[in-house]
Amino acid sequence: MSIMGTFLLLAAEANAVHSEMAEGAAEGGFGLNLDIFETNIINLAILVGALFYFGRKALSKILNERQANIATAIQEAEGRLKEAQVALSQAQKQLTQSQAEAQRIRQSAEENAIKAKEALLAKAVQDVERLRQTAAADLNSETERAIAQLRQRVATLALQKVESQLKSGIADDAQQSLIDRSIAQLGGNV
């Protein structure tokens, strides 16, 4: 009915315009036709009244559907807004937690680095002390070995000298004095 009504309205307006143009052309100019029957004003009023009466329900229905669709769209948008706000607050909460966790990890890493540094320094001090002790022990053992070698060398040289003197012979006085001294030492120790 809506399409038919629109078509009839356009036909009536075209007829009215055509009538006015024909009258204006006959008179030689543009004018206004006030004849009610010739201009179809009654037909137009009936047509507009019918359109208003029948079209009001359809137009009201369309407008109500459109209003309901808009209200639904607004409710959906508000729901999405609330969901987005909840998601945003959760994301901010997670960001805060992540930042706190990152700070805790950073602080823990710094503390671990300080502990590792102190442990390395303590180990280095222990290693240096152990090396000093090892070096001192090595020096002492080398010194003792050198002293032992010197004693052995002195003893060897003394024996060689004694042997050479024995081979050359000992004087009778020296032999007697050596025997007396040996006997005195043996007798005094006994």
N, C-alpha and C. Protein backbone atom coordinates (compact mmCIF):
# COMPACT_ATOMS: atom_id res chain seq x y z
N MET A 1 0.82 -1.18 0.00
CA MET A 1 0.00 0.00 0.00
C MET A 1 0.87 1.24 0.00
N SER A 2 2.01 1.14 0.63
CA SER A 2 2.91 2.29 0.74
C SER A 2 3.46 2.68 -0.62
N ILE A 3 3.87 1.72 -1.40
CA ILE A 3 4.43 2.00 -2.74
C ILE A 3 3.33 2.52 -3.66
N MET A 4 2.15 1.91 -3.57
CA MET A 4 1.02 2.33 -4.40
C MET A 4 0.62 3.75 -4.04
N GLY A 5 0.61 4.04 -2.74
CA GLY A 5 0.25 5.39 -2.30
C GLY A 5 1.23 6.42 -2.80
N THR A 6 2.50 6.10 -2.77
CA THR A 6 3.53 7.02 -3.27
C THR A 6 3.35 7.26 -4.76
N PHE A 7 3.05 6.20 -5.48
CA PHE A 7 2.85 6.32 -6.93
C PHE A 7 1.65 7.22 -7.24
N LEU A 8 0.56 7.02 -6.49
CA LEU A 8 -0.64 7.84 -6.70
C LEU A 8 -0.36 9.31 -6.37
N LEU A 9 0.40 9.53 -5.31
CA LEU A 9 0.75 10.90 -4.92
C LEU A 9 1.57 11.58 -6.02
N LEU A 10 2.54 10.88 -6.55
CA LEU A 10 3.36 11.45 -7.63
C LEU A 10 2.50 11.72 -8.87
N ALA A 11 1.56 10.82 -9.18
CA ALA A 11 0.69 11.01 -10.35
C ALA A 11 -0.18 12.23 -10.16
N ALA A 12 -0.72 12.39 -8.96
CA ALA A 12 -1.59 13.53 -8.69
C ALA A 12 -0.81 14.83 -8.77
N GLU A 13 0.40 14.86 -8.24
CA GLU A 13 1.22 16.08 -8.30
C GLU A 13 1.60 16.40 -9.74
N ALA A 14 1.94 15.36 -10.50
CA ALA A 14 2.29 15.60 -11.91
C ALA A 14 1.09 16.14 -12.66
N ASN A 15 -0.09 15.63 -12.37
CA ASN A 15 -1.30 16.10 -13.03
C ASN A 15 -1.55 17.55 -12.68
N ALA A 16 -1.36 17.90 -11.41
CA ALA A 16 -1.59 19.27 -10.97
C ALA A 16 -0.58 20.21 -11.62
N VAL A 17 0.63 19.84 -11.68
CA VAL A 17 1.67 20.68 -12.29
C VAL A 17 1.37 20.83 -13.79
N HIS A 18 0.97 19.77 -14.44
CA HIS A 18 0.66 19.81 -15.87
C HIS A 18 -0.50 20.75 -16.13
N SER A 19 -1.53 20.70 -15.24
CA SER A 19 -2.70 21.58 -15.41
C SER A 19 -2.29 23.03 -15.26
N GLU A 20 -1.48 23.33 -14.28
CA GLU A 20 -1.05 24.70 -14.05
C GLU A 20 -0.21 25.20 -15.21
N MET A 21 0.61 24.37 -15.73
CA MET A 21 1.46 24.78 -16.85
C MET A 21 0.62 25.02 -18.11
N ALA A 22 -0.36 24.19 -18.30
CA ALA A 22 -1.22 24.36 -19.48
C ALA A 22 -2.00 25.67 -19.37
N GLU A 23 -2.50 25.96 -18.21
CA GLU A 23 -3.25 27.19 -18.01
C GLU A 23 -2.34 28.39 -18.15
N GLY A 24 -1.16 28.31 -17.62
CA GLY A 24 -0.22 29.42 -17.70
C GLY A 24 0.23 29.64 -19.12
N ALA A 25 0.38 28.59 -19.87
CA ALA A 25 0.79 28.72 -21.27
C ALA A 25 -0.33 29.34 -22.09
N ALA A 26 -1.58 29.02 -21.76
CA ALA A 26 -2.70 29.57 -22.51
C ALA A 26 -2.83 31.06 -22.25
N GLU A 27 -2.56 31.52 -21.10
CA GLU A 27 -2.69 32.92 -20.77
C GLU A 27 -1.44 33.70 -21.18
N GLY A 28 -0.35 32.96 -21.46
CA GLY A 28 0.84 33.66 -21.90
C GLY A 28 1.79 33.95 -20.78
N GLY A 29 1.64 33.32 -19.65
CA GLY A 29 2.55 33.55 -18.54
C GLY A 29 2.36 32.52 -17.45
N PHE A 30 2.93 32.77 -16.36
CA PHE A 30 2.85 31.87 -15.23
C PHE A 30 1.78 32.40 -14.30
N GLY A 31 0.93 31.49 -13.83
CA GLY A 31 -0.13 31.96 -12.96
C GLY A 31 -0.55 30.87 -12.00
N LEU A 32 -1.48 31.19 -11.15
CA LEU A 32 -1.96 30.28 -10.14
C LEU A 32 -3.43 29.97 -10.45
N ASN A 33 -3.72 28.71 -10.56
CA ASN A 33 -5.09 28.29 -10.87
C ASN A 33 -5.80 28.02 -9.56
N LEU A 34 -6.86 28.74 -9.28
CA LEU A 34 -7.61 28.60 -8.05
C LEU A 34 -8.88 27.77 -8.21
N ASP A 35 -9.08 27.20 -9.33
CA ASP A 35 -10.26 26.36 -9.55
C ASP A 35 -10.03 25.02 -8.88
N ILE A 36 -10.87 24.70 -7.87
CA ILE A 36 -10.69 23.50 -7.05
C ILE A 36 -10.88 22.25 -7.88
N PHE A 37 -11.84 22.22 -8.77
CA PHE A 37 -12.12 21.01 -9.53
C PHE A 37 -11.09 20.80 -10.62
N GLU A 38 -10.58 21.84 -11.17
CA GLU A 38 -9.61 21.72 -12.25
C GLU A 38 -8.23 21.35 -11.71
N THR A 39 -7.88 21.78 -10.58
CA THR A 39 -6.55 21.50 -10.02
C THR A 39 -6.51 20.23 -9.20
N ASN A 40 -7.60 19.58 -8.98
CA ASN A 40 -7.68 18.30 -8.26
C ASN A 40 -7.22 18.41 -6.79
N ILE A 41 -7.55 19.51 -6.16
CA ILE A 41 -7.16 19.69 -4.76
C ILE A 41 -7.93 18.71 -3.88
N ILE A 42 -9.15 18.43 -4.21
CA ILE A 42 -9.94 17.50 -3.42
C ILE A 42 -9.33 16.11 -3.52
N ASN A 43 -8.99 15.73 -4.74
CA ASN A 43 -8.36 14.40 -4.93
C ASN A 43 -7.05 14.31 -4.13
N LEU A 44 -6.30 15.38 -4.17
CA LEU A 44 -5.03 15.38 -3.44
C LEU A 44 -5.27 15.30 -1.93
N ALA A 45 -6.28 15.98 -1.44
CA ALA A 45 -6.57 15.96 0.00
C ALA A 45 -7.00 14.56 0.42
N ILE A 46 -7.82 13.91 -0.42
CA ILE A 46 -8.25 12.55 -0.12
C ILE A 46 -7.05 11.61 -0.13
N LEU A 47 -6.21 11.80 -1.14
CA LEU A 47 -5.01 10.96 -1.26
C LEU A 47 -4.07 11.16 -0.06
N VAL A 48 -3.85 12.38 0.35
CA VAL A 48 -2.98 12.66 1.49
C VAL A 48 -3.61 12.11 2.76
N GLY A 49 -4.89 12.26 2.92
CA GLY A 49 -5.58 11.73 4.10
C GLY A 49 -5.48 10.21 4.15
N ALA A 50 -5.66 9.53 3.01
CA ALA A 50 -5.56 8.07 2.97
C ALA A 50 -4.13 7.63 3.28
N LEU A 51 -3.19 8.34 2.68
CA LEU A 51 -1.78 8.02 2.97
C LEU A 51 -1.49 8.21 4.45
N PHE A 52 -1.99 9.29 5.03
CA PHE A 52 -1.74 9.54 6.44
C PHE A 52 -2.38 8.46 7.30
N TYR A 53 -3.61 8.08 6.96
CA TYR A 53 -4.34 7.10 7.76
C TYR A 53 -3.69 5.71 7.66
N PHE A 54 -3.44 5.26 6.43
CA PHE A 54 -2.89 3.92 6.24
C PHE A 54 -1.38 3.89 6.42
N GLY A 55 -0.71 4.93 6.05
CA GLY A 55 0.75 4.97 6.14
C GLY A 55 1.26 5.18 7.55
N ARG A 56 0.40 5.75 8.40
CA ARG A 56 0.80 6.01 9.77
C ARG A 56 1.14 4.71 10.49
N LYS A 57 0.33 3.66 10.28
CA LYS A 57 0.59 2.39 10.94
C LYS A 57 1.91 1.78 10.45
N ALA A 58 2.09 1.79 9.13
CA ALA A 58 3.32 1.22 8.58
C ALA A 58 4.53 2.04 9.01
N LEU A 59 4.38 3.37 8.92
CA LEU A 59 5.49 4.23 9.32
C LEU A 59 5.76 4.09 10.82
N SER A 60 4.70 4.00 11.61
CA SER A 60 4.86 3.81 13.05
C SER A 60 5.57 2.48 13.34
N LYS A 61 5.18 1.45 12.62
CA LYS A 61 5.80 0.14 12.79
C LYS A 61 7.29 0.20 12.41
N ILE A 62 7.60 0.82 11.31
CA ILE A 62 8.99 0.94 10.86
C ILE A 62 9.81 1.74 11.87
N LEU A 63 9.21 2.85 12.34
CA LEU A 63 9.92 3.68 13.31
C LEU A 63 10.12 2.94 14.64
N ASN A 64 9.09 2.18 15.06
CA ASN A 64 9.24 1.39 16.30
C ASN A 64 10.31 0.32 16.16
N GLU A 65 10.32 -0.35 14.98
CA GLU A 65 11.37 -1.35 14.74
C GLU A 65 12.75 -0.69 14.73
N ARG A 66 12.84 0.44 14.09
CA ARG A 66 14.12 1.16 14.04
C ARG A 66 14.54 1.59 15.44
N GLN A 67 13.57 2.07 16.24
CA GLN A 67 13.87 2.49 17.60
C GLN A 67 14.33 1.29 18.42
N ALA A 68 13.66 0.14 18.25
CA ALA A 68 14.06 -1.07 18.97
C ALA A 68 15.46 -1.51 18.55
N ASN A 69 15.73 -1.44 17.23
CA ASN A 69 17.07 -1.81 16.74
C ASN A 69 18.13 -0.88 17.31
N ILE A 70 17.82 0.40 17.37
CA ILE A 70 18.79 1.37 17.91
C ILE A 70 18.99 1.12 19.40
N ALA A 71 17.88 0.85 20.11
CA ALA A 71 18.00 0.58 21.55
C ALA A 71 18.83 -0.68 21.79
N THR A 72 18.59 -1.71 20.97
CA THR A 72 19.37 -2.95 21.08
C THR A 72 20.84 -2.68 20.79
N ALA A 73 21.09 -1.91 19.74
CA ALA A 73 22.49 -1.59 19.38
C ALA A 73 23.15 -0.80 20.51
N ILE A 74 22.40 0.12 21.14
CA ILE A 74 22.97 0.91 22.24
C ILE A 74 23.26 0.00 23.43
N GLN A 75 22.34 -0.93 23.73
CA GLN A 75 22.57 -1.85 24.84
C GLN A 75 23.78 -2.75 24.56
N GLU A 76 23.88 -3.22 23.32
CA GLU A 76 25.04 -4.06 22.96
C GLU A 76 26.32 -3.25 23.08
N ALA A 77 26.28 -1.99 22.62
CA ALA A 77 27.47 -1.14 22.71
C ALA A 77 27.83 -0.89 24.17
N GLU A 78 26.80 -0.65 25.02
CA GLU A 78 27.08 -0.45 26.44
C GLU A 78 27.65 -1.72 27.07
N GLY A 79 27.11 -2.89 26.65
CA GLY A 79 27.65 -4.16 27.15
C GLY A 79 29.10 -4.34 26.73
N ARG A 80 29.40 -4.03 25.46
CA ARG A 80 30.78 -4.14 24.98
C ARG A 80 31.68 -3.15 25.71
N LEU A 81 31.11 -1.95 26.01
CA LEU A 81 31.88 -0.96 26.76
C LEU A 81 32.21 -1.48 28.15
N LYS A 82 31.22 -2.07 28.82
CA LYS A 82 31.47 -2.63 30.16
C LYS A 82 32.50 -3.75 30.09
N GLU A 83 32.36 -4.62 29.07
CA GLU A 83 33.33 -5.70 28.90
C GLU A 83 34.73 -5.14 28.65
N ALA A 84 34.79 -4.10 27.83
CA ALA A 84 36.08 -3.47 27.53
C ALA A 84 36.67 -2.84 28.79
N GLN A 85 35.80 -2.21 29.61
CA GLN A 85 36.28 -1.61 30.85
C GLN A 85 36.80 -2.69 31.81
N VAL A 86 36.07 -3.81 31.88
CA VAL A 86 36.51 -4.91 32.74
C VAL A 86 37.85 -5.45 32.23
N ALA A 87 37.92 -5.65 30.89
CA ALA A 87 39.18 -6.15 30.30
C ALA A 87 40.32 -5.16 30.54
N LEU A 88 40.01 -3.86 30.43
CA LEU A 88 41.03 -2.84 30.67
C LEU A 88 41.50 -2.88 32.12
N SER A 89 40.56 -2.99 33.05
CA SER A 89 40.97 -3.03 34.47
C SER A 89 41.79 -4.29 34.75
N GLN A 90 41.40 -5.41 34.14
CA GLN A 90 42.18 -6.64 34.32
C GLN A 90 43.57 -6.48 33.71
N ALA A 91 43.63 -5.87 32.52
CA ALA A 91 44.93 -5.67 31.88
C ALA A 91 45.81 -4.74 32.72
N GLN A 92 45.19 -3.68 33.29
CA GLN A 92 45.96 -2.77 34.14
C GLN A 92 46.44 -3.49 35.40
N LYS A 93 45.57 -4.34 35.94
CA LYS A 93 45.94 -5.12 37.12
C LYS A 93 47.10 -6.05 36.79
N GLN A 94 47.01 -6.72 35.63
CA GLN A 94 48.09 -7.61 35.22
C GLN A 94 49.37 -6.83 34.95
N LEU A 95 49.22 -5.64 34.37
CA LEU A 95 50.40 -4.80 34.13
C LEU A 95 51.06 -4.43 35.45
N THR A 96 50.25 -4.05 36.43
CA THR A 96 50.79 -3.70 37.75
C THR A 96 51.49 -4.90 38.37
N GLN A 97 50.86 -6.07 38.27
CA GLN A 97 51.47 -7.28 38.80
C GLN A 97 52.75 -7.61 38.06
N SER A 98 52.73 -7.46 36.74
CA SER A 98 53.94 -7.74 35.95
C SER A 98 55.07 -6.79 36.30
N GLN A 99 54.71 -5.52 36.49
CA GLN A 99 55.74 -4.55 36.87
C GLN A 99 56.31 -4.88 38.24
N ALA A 100 55.44 -5.27 39.17
CA ALA A 100 55.91 -5.64 40.52
C ALA A 100 56.79 -6.88 40.43
N GLU A 101 56.40 -7.84 39.61
CA GLU A 101 57.20 -9.07 39.44
C GLU A 101 58.54 -8.74 38.79
N ALA A 102 58.52 -7.86 37.79
CA ALA A 102 59.77 -7.45 37.15
C ALA A 102 60.69 -6.75 38.15
N GLN A 103 60.13 -5.90 38.99
CA GLN A 103 60.92 -5.21 40.01
C GLN A 103 61.51 -6.21 41.00
N ARG A 104 60.68 -7.19 41.40
CA ARG A 104 61.15 -8.22 42.33
C ARG A 104 62.27 -9.04 41.69
N ILE A 105 62.12 -9.39 40.42
CA ILE A 105 63.15 -10.17 39.72
C ILE A 105 64.43 -9.35 39.59
N ARG A 106 64.27 -8.07 39.25
CA ARG A 106 65.44 -7.19 39.12
C ARG A 106 66.18 -7.08 40.45
N GLN A 107 65.42 -6.89 41.53
CA GLN A 107 66.03 -6.77 42.86
C GLN A 107 66.70 -8.08 43.26
N SER A 108 66.04 -9.19 42.97
CA SER A 108 66.62 -10.50 43.29
C SER A 108 67.90 -10.71 42.49
N ALA A 109 67.89 -10.32 41.22
CA ALA A 109 69.08 -10.47 40.38
C ALA A 109 70.23 -9.61 40.92
N GLU A 110 69.91 -8.39 41.36
CA GLU A 110 70.94 -7.52 41.93
C GLU A 110 71.52 -8.13 43.20
N GLU A 111 70.62 -8.66 44.05
CA GLU A 111 71.09 -9.29 45.29
C GLU A 111 71.96 -10.51 44.98
N ASN A 112 71.52 -11.31 44.00
CA ASN A 112 72.30 -12.49 43.62
C ASN A 112 73.65 -12.08 43.04
N ALA A 113 73.66 -10.99 42.27
CA ALA A 113 74.93 -10.51 41.70
C ALA A 113 75.88 -10.06 42.81
N ILE A 114 75.34 -9.37 43.81
CA ILE A 114 76.17 -8.92 44.94
C ILE A 114 76.71 -10.13 45.70
N LYS A 115 75.83 -11.11 45.95
CA LYS A 115 76.27 -12.33 46.66
C LYS A 115 77.33 -13.07 45.85
N ALA A 116 77.12 -13.17 44.53
CA ALA A 116 78.09 -13.86 43.68
C ALA A 116 79.42 -13.12 43.68
N LYS A 117 79.36 -11.79 43.65
CA LYS A 117 80.58 -10.98 43.68
C LYS A 117 81.33 -11.22 44.99
N GLU A 118 80.58 -11.18 46.10
CA GLU A 118 81.21 -11.40 47.40
C GLU A 118 81.79 -12.80 47.49
N ALA A 119 81.06 -13.79 46.96
CA ALA A 119 81.56 -15.17 46.99
C ALA A 119 82.82 -15.30 46.15
N LEU A 120 82.83 -14.65 44.98
CA LEU A 120 84.03 -14.70 44.12
C LEU A 120 85.22 -14.02 44.80
N LEU A 121 84.95 -12.88 45.45
CA LEU A 121 86.03 -12.19 46.14
C LEU A 121 86.57 -13.04 47.29
N ALA A 122 85.66 -13.66 48.04
CA ALA A 122 86.10 -14.52 49.16
C ALA A 122 86.90 -15.71 48.63
N LYS A 123 86.43 -16.29 47.53
CA LYS A 123 87.15 -17.43 46.94
C LYS A 123 88.51 -16.98 46.43
N ALA A 124 88.56 -15.78 45.84
CA ALA A 124 89.84 -15.27 45.35
C ALA A 124 90.80 -15.05 46.51
N VAL A 125 90.29 -14.51 47.62
CA VAL A 125 91.13 -14.31 48.81
C VAL A 125 91.63 -15.66 49.32
N GLN A 126 90.74 -16.65 49.37
CA GLN A 126 91.14 -17.99 49.81
C GLN A 126 92.18 -18.58 48.86
N ASP A 127 91.97 -18.39 47.55
CA ASP A 127 92.91 -18.91 46.57
C ASP A 127 94.28 -18.25 46.72
N VAL A 128 94.27 -16.92 46.94
CA VAL A 128 95.54 -16.20 47.11
C VAL A 128 96.23 -16.70 48.37
N GLU A 129 95.48 -16.88 49.46
CA GLU A 129 96.08 -17.37 50.71
C GLU A 129 96.62 -18.78 50.53
N ARG A 130 95.84 -19.62 49.83
CA ARG A 130 96.30 -20.99 49.58
C ARG A 130 97.57 -20.98 48.73
N LEU A 131 97.60 -20.09 47.72
CA LEU A 131 98.81 -19.99 46.89
C LEU A 131 100.01 -19.50 47.71
N ARG A 132 99.75 -18.55 48.63
CA ARG A 132 100.85 -18.08 49.50
C ARG A 132 101.37 -19.23 50.36
N GLN A 133 100.44 -19.96 50.94
CA GLN A 133 100.84 -21.08 51.79
C GLN A 133 101.59 -22.14 50.97
N THR A 134 101.09 -22.42 49.79
CA THR A 134 101.75 -23.40 48.92
C THR A 134 103.14 -22.90 48.54
N ALA A 135 103.22 -21.61 48.21
CA ALA A 135 104.52 -21.05 47.83
C ALA A 135 105.48 -21.09 49.02
N ALA A 136 104.96 -20.75 50.23
CA ALA A 136 105.81 -20.79 51.42
C ALA A 136 106.26 -22.22 51.70
N ALA A 137 105.33 -23.18 51.55
CA ALA A 137 105.70 -24.59 51.77
C ALA A 137 106.72 -25.04 50.73
N ASP A 138 106.49 -24.63 49.48
CA ASP A 138 107.45 -24.97 48.42
C ASP A 138 108.81 -24.35 48.71
N LEU A 139 108.81 -23.09 49.17
CA LEU A 139 110.06 -22.42 49.48
C LEU A 139 110.76 -23.11 50.64
N ASN A 140 109.98 -23.47 51.68
CA ASN A 140 110.57 -24.19 52.83
C ASN A 140 111.15 -25.53 52.40
N SER A 141 110.39 -26.25 51.57
CA SER A 141 110.90 -27.57 51.13
C SER A 141 112.13 -27.40 50.24
N GLU A 142 112.13 -26.38 49.40
CA GLU A 142 113.31 -26.12 48.57
C GLU A 142 114.50 -25.73 49.44
N THR A 143 114.22 -24.90 50.45
CA THR A 143 115.29 -24.49 51.36
C THR A 143 115.85 -25.70 52.10
N GLU A 144 114.95 -26.53 52.61
CA GLU A 144 115.40 -27.73 53.32
C GLU A 144 116.16 -28.66 52.39
N ARG A 145 115.68 -28.81 51.16
CA ARG A 145 116.39 -29.66 50.22
C ARG A 145 117.77 -29.08 49.89
N ALA A 146 117.84 -27.75 49.74
CA ALA A 146 119.13 -27.13 49.46
C ALA A 146 120.08 -27.31 50.65
N ILE A 147 119.50 -27.13 51.86
CA ILE A 147 120.33 -27.32 53.06
C ILE A 147 120.79 -28.77 53.16
N ALA A 148 119.89 -29.69 52.86
CA ALA A 148 120.25 -31.11 52.90
C ALA A 148 121.34 -31.41 51.88
N GLN A 149 121.17 -30.82 50.68
CA GLN A 149 122.20 -31.04 49.66
C GLN A 149 123.54 -30.45 50.10
N LEU A 150 123.47 -29.24 50.71
CA LEU A 150 124.71 -28.63 51.20
C LEU A 150 125.34 -29.48 52.30
N ARG A 151 124.53 -29.99 53.22
CA ARG A 151 125.06 -30.86 54.29
C ARG A 151 125.70 -32.10 53.69
N GLN A 152 124.96 -32.66 52.70
CA GLN A 152 125.51 -33.86 52.08
C GLN A 152 126.82 -33.55 51.37
N ARG A 153 126.84 -32.41 50.71
CA ARG A 153 128.06 -32.02 50.00
C ARG A 153 129.19 -31.76 50.99
N VAL A 154 128.87 -31.06 52.10
CA VAL A 154 129.89 -30.79 53.13
C VAL A 154 130.37 -32.09 53.73
N ALA A 155 129.43 -32.99 54.02
CA ALA A 155 129.83 -34.28 54.59
C ALA A 155 130.70 -35.05 53.62
N THR A 156 130.31 -35.01 52.33
CA THR A 156 131.11 -35.70 51.31
C THR A 156 132.51 -35.10 51.23
N LEU A 157 132.57 -33.78 51.22
CA LEU A 157 133.89 -33.13 51.16
C LEU A 157 134.70 -33.43 52.42
N ALA A 158 134.04 -33.44 53.58
CA ALA A 158 134.75 -33.73 54.83
C ALA A 158 135.28 -35.15 54.81
N LEU A 159 134.44 -36.08 54.33
CA LEU A 159 134.88 -37.48 54.23
C LEU A 159 136.05 -37.61 53.26
N GLN A 160 135.94 -36.89 52.14
CA GLN A 160 137.04 -36.96 51.18
C GLN A 160 138.33 -36.42 51.80
N LYS A 161 138.19 -35.34 52.54
CA LYS A 161 139.37 -34.77 53.18
C LYS A 161 139.94 -35.72 54.22
N VAL A 162 139.03 -36.32 55.02
CA VAL A 162 139.47 -37.27 56.05
C VAL A 162 140.14 -38.46 55.39
N GLU A 163 139.52 -38.96 54.31
CA GLU A 163 140.10 -40.11 53.60
C GLU A 163 141.48 -39.75 53.06
N SER A 164 141.56 -38.56 52.51
CA SER A 164 142.87 -38.19 51.98
C SER A 164 143.90 -38.04 53.10
N GLN A 165 143.45 -37.53 54.25
CA GLN A 165 144.38 -37.43 55.37
C GLN A 165 144.72 -38.81 55.91
N LEU A 166 143.75 -39.71 55.93
CA LEU A 166 144.01 -41.06 56.42
C LEU A 166 144.96 -41.79 55.49
N LYS A 167 144.78 -41.54 54.23
CA LYS A 167 145.68 -42.19 53.28
C LYS A 167 147.09 -41.65 53.46
N SER A 168 147.19 -40.38 53.74
CA SER A 168 148.53 -39.81 53.92
C SER A 168 149.10 -40.19 55.29
N GLY A 169 148.23 -40.66 56.15
CA GLY A 169 148.70 -41.12 57.45
C GLY A 169 148.50 -40.08 58.50
N ILE A 170 148.23 -40.54 59.69
CA ILE A 170 148.02 -39.65 60.80
C ILE A 170 149.26 -39.76 61.68
N ALA A 171 149.65 -38.66 62.19
CA ALA A 171 150.82 -38.66 63.06
C ALA A 171 150.51 -39.43 64.34
N ASP A 172 151.54 -40.01 64.99
CA ASP A 172 151.34 -40.83 66.19
C ASP A 172 150.75 -39.99 67.31
N ASP A 173 151.16 -38.79 67.43
CA ASP A 173 150.61 -37.95 68.48
C ASP A 173 149.13 -37.67 68.21
N ALA A 174 148.81 -37.43 66.98
CA ALA A 174 147.43 -37.12 66.64
C ALA A 174 146.57 -38.34 66.85
N GLN A 175 147.11 -39.54 66.52
CA GLN A 175 146.34 -40.75 66.71
C GLN A 175 146.09 -40.96 68.20
N GLN A 176 147.11 -40.77 69.00
CA GLN A 176 146.97 -41.00 70.43
C GLN A 176 145.97 -40.01 71.00
N SER A 177 146.04 -38.77 70.60
CA SER A 177 145.14 -37.78 71.11
C SER A 177 143.71 -38.08 70.65
N LEU A 178 143.50 -38.55 69.43
CA LEU A 178 142.17 -38.89 68.91
C LEU A 178 141.59 -40.06 69.68
N ILE A 179 142.41 -41.05 69.99
CA ILE A 179 141.96 -42.23 70.74
C ILE A 179 141.59 -41.80 72.14
N ASP A 180 142.40 -40.96 72.77
CA ASP A 180 142.10 -40.53 74.13
C ASP A 180 140.78 -39.74 74.16
N ARG A 181 140.61 -38.91 73.24
CA ARG A 181 139.38 -38.12 73.19
C ARG A 181 138.17 -39.02 72.97
N SER A 182 138.30 -39.99 72.09
CA SER A 182 137.18 -40.90 71.81
C SER A 182 136.85 -41.71 73.04
N ILE A 183 137.87 -42.15 73.76
CA ILE A 183 137.65 -42.94 74.96
C ILE A 183 137.02 -42.07 76.03
N ALA A 184 137.44 -40.82 76.11
CA ALA A 184 136.87 -39.91 77.09
C ALA A 184 135.41 -39.65 76.80
N GLN A 185 135.08 -39.49 75.54
CA GLN A 185 133.69 -39.25 75.17
C GLN A 185 132.85 -40.47 75.43
N LEU A 186 133.39 -41.64 75.14
CA LEU A 186 132.65 -42.86 75.39
C LEU A 186 132.50 -43.10 76.87
N GLY A 187 133.51 -42.83 77.59
CA GLY A 187 133.47 -43.04 79.03
C GLY A 187 132.58 -42.03 79.70
N GLY A 188 132.53 -40.81 79.21
CA GLY A 188 131.73 -39.77 79.85
C GLY A 188 130.25 -39.97 79.52
N ASN A 189 129.96 -40.55 78.42
CA ASN A 189 128.53 -40.76 78.01
C ASN A 189 127.95 -42.02 78.65
N VAL A 190 128.75 -42.90 79.06
CA VAL A 190 128.27 -44.17 79.54
C VAL A 190 127.71 -44.04 80.90
